[in-house]
Amino acid sequence: MRYDGPSVITAAQLRAARALASLDQRALANLAGLSLPTIQRMEASDGVVRGNVDSLTKLIGALEAAGIDLIAEGVASAGGGRGVRLRHAAVKAAPVDKRDRRGRAGRA
């Protein structure tokens, strides 16, 4: 079964959402439980992403888990158009300095 409407997510939204979440295509595929070629095909779509319901559900669930809110056409926003929003920034670990107090590199 294929899902062709109502409009859920566009290819432009998908690319923007992936960039906001700092995910490459392979990371998104892993997070969504989809293949890399499926993500590539979805991003290459013209307009609305088409796919089977299960794949679209997994994709949207993965984006939401990464902190992405999808903004549909006509939903209250400054421009009134489609978009994406980052709910929260991912916490990144601080780099570990392996130097001792004298500035010498530590042992691994």
Protein backbone atom coordinates (compact mmCIF):
# COMPACT_ATOMS: atom_id res chain seq x y z
CA MET A 1 0.00 0.00 0.00
CA ARG A 2 1.31 3.47 -0.90
CA TYR A 3 0.52 6.71 0.89
CA ASP A 4 0.04 9.69 -1.43
CA GLY A 5 -1.93 12.23 0.59
CA PRO A 6 -2.87 14.20 2.50
CA SER A 7 0.48 16.00 2.41
CA VAL A 8 2.57 14.79 5.31
CA ILE A 9 6.12 15.92 4.57
CA THR A 10 7.84 17.37 1.53
CA ALA A 11 11.32 16.49 0.32
CA ALA A 12 12.44 20.05 1.20
CA GLN A 13 11.09 19.65 4.75
CA LEU A 14 12.87 16.31 5.05
CA ARG A 15 16.22 17.77 3.99
CA ALA A 16 15.77 20.80 6.28
CA ALA A 17 14.71 18.61 9.22
CA ARG A 18 17.70 16.33 8.75
CA ALA A 19 20.05 19.34 8.66
CA LEU A 20 18.50 20.87 11.81
CA ALA A 21 18.92 17.57 13.65
CA SER A 22 22.54 17.29 12.44
CA LEU A 23 21.86 13.89 10.88
CA ASP A 24 23.35 12.59 7.67
CA GLN A 25 21.25 10.32 5.46
CA ARG A 26 22.78 7.13 6.89
CA ALA A 27 22.17 8.22 10.50
CA LEU A 28 18.54 9.06 9.71
CA ALA A 29 18.09 5.71 7.96
CA ASN A 30 19.45 3.90 11.05
CA LEU A 31 17.32 5.96 13.43
CA ALA A 32 14.19 5.31 11.35
CA GLY A 33 14.92 1.64 10.69
CA LEU A 34 14.91 2.27 6.93
CA SER A 35 17.49 1.65 4.23
CA LEU A 36 19.80 4.39 2.99
CA PRO A 37 18.38 4.12 -0.56
CA THR A 38 14.87 4.69 0.86
CA ILE A 39 15.97 7.94 2.54
CA GLN A 40 17.79 9.01 -0.64
CA ARG A 41 14.69 8.28 -2.75
CA MET A 42 12.46 10.21 -0.34
CA GLU A 43 14.77 13.24 -0.41
CA ALA A 44 14.90 13.14 -4.21
CA SER A 45 11.09 13.31 -4.44
CA ASP A 46 9.49 16.22 -6.21
CA GLY A 47 7.20 17.88 -3.68
CA VAL A 48 5.44 15.58 -1.21
CA VAL A 49 7.44 12.53 -0.15
CA ARG A 50 5.72 9.39 -1.36
CA GLY A 51 6.14 6.00 0.21
CA ASN A 52 4.32 3.26 2.04
CA VAL A 53 2.58 4.15 5.29
CA ASP A 54 4.99 2.13 7.43
CA SER A 55 8.08 3.88 5.99
CA LEU A 56 6.55 7.35 6.36
CA THR A 57 5.48 6.60 9.92
CA LYS A 58 9.01 5.41 10.80
CA LEU A 59 10.56 8.47 9.14
CA ILE A 60 8.33 10.98 10.93
CA GLY A 61 8.76 9.14 14.24
CA ALA A 62 12.54 9.28 13.89
CA LEU A 63 12.47 13.01 13.10
CA GLU A 64 10.22 13.66 16.08
CA ALA A 65 12.53 11.61 18.31
CA ALA A 66 15.40 13.82 17.09
CA GLY A 67 13.50 16.90 18.28
CA ILE A 68 11.94 18.01 14.99
CA ASP A 69 8.44 19.50 14.72
CA LEU A 70 6.95 19.42 11.24
CA ILE A 71 4.88 22.49 10.37
CA ALA A 72 2.10 21.76 7.91
CA GLU A 73 0.74 24.13 5.27
CA GLY A 74 -1.63 26.69 6.79
CA VAL A 75 -0.62 26.08 10.41
CA ALA A 76 -0.10 29.29 12.36
CA SER A 77 3.39 30.56 11.57
CA ALA A 78 4.84 33.88 10.47
CA GLY A 79 4.90 32.93 6.79
CA GLY A 80 1.95 30.53 6.77
CA GLY A 81 3.83 27.95 4.71
CA ARG A 82 5.36 24.57 5.45
CA GLY A 83 8.44 24.28 7.60
CA VAL A 84 10.35 22.52 10.34
CA ARG A 85 11.31 23.58 13.83
CA LEU A 86 13.84 22.18 16.27
CA ARG A 87 12.16 21.50 19.61
CA HIS A 88 15.36 21.22 21.63
CA ALA A 89 19.04 21.24 20.89
CA ALA A 90 20.92 18.01 21.27
CA VAL A 91 23.41 18.06 24.13
CA LYS A 92 26.90 17.50 22.85
CA ALA A 93 29.61 16.10 25.08
CA ALA A 94 32.57 18.35 25.75
CA PRO A 95 35.85 17.13 24.27
CA VAL A 96 38.08 15.30 26.71
CA ASP A 97 41.48 16.86 27.27
CA LYS A 98 44.00 14.09 27.86
CA ARG A 99 46.73 16.42 29.10
CA ASP A 100 47.98 16.44 32.65
CA ARG A 101 48.34 19.60 34.76
CA ARG A 102 51.70 20.40 33.17
CA GLY A 103 50.26 20.36 29.65
CA ARG A 104 51.82 17.05 28.64
CA ALA A 105 49.78 14.56 26.62
CA GLY A 106 48.48 11.72 28.74
CA ARG A 107 48.78 8.02 28.07
CA ALA A 108 45.96 6.13 26.39
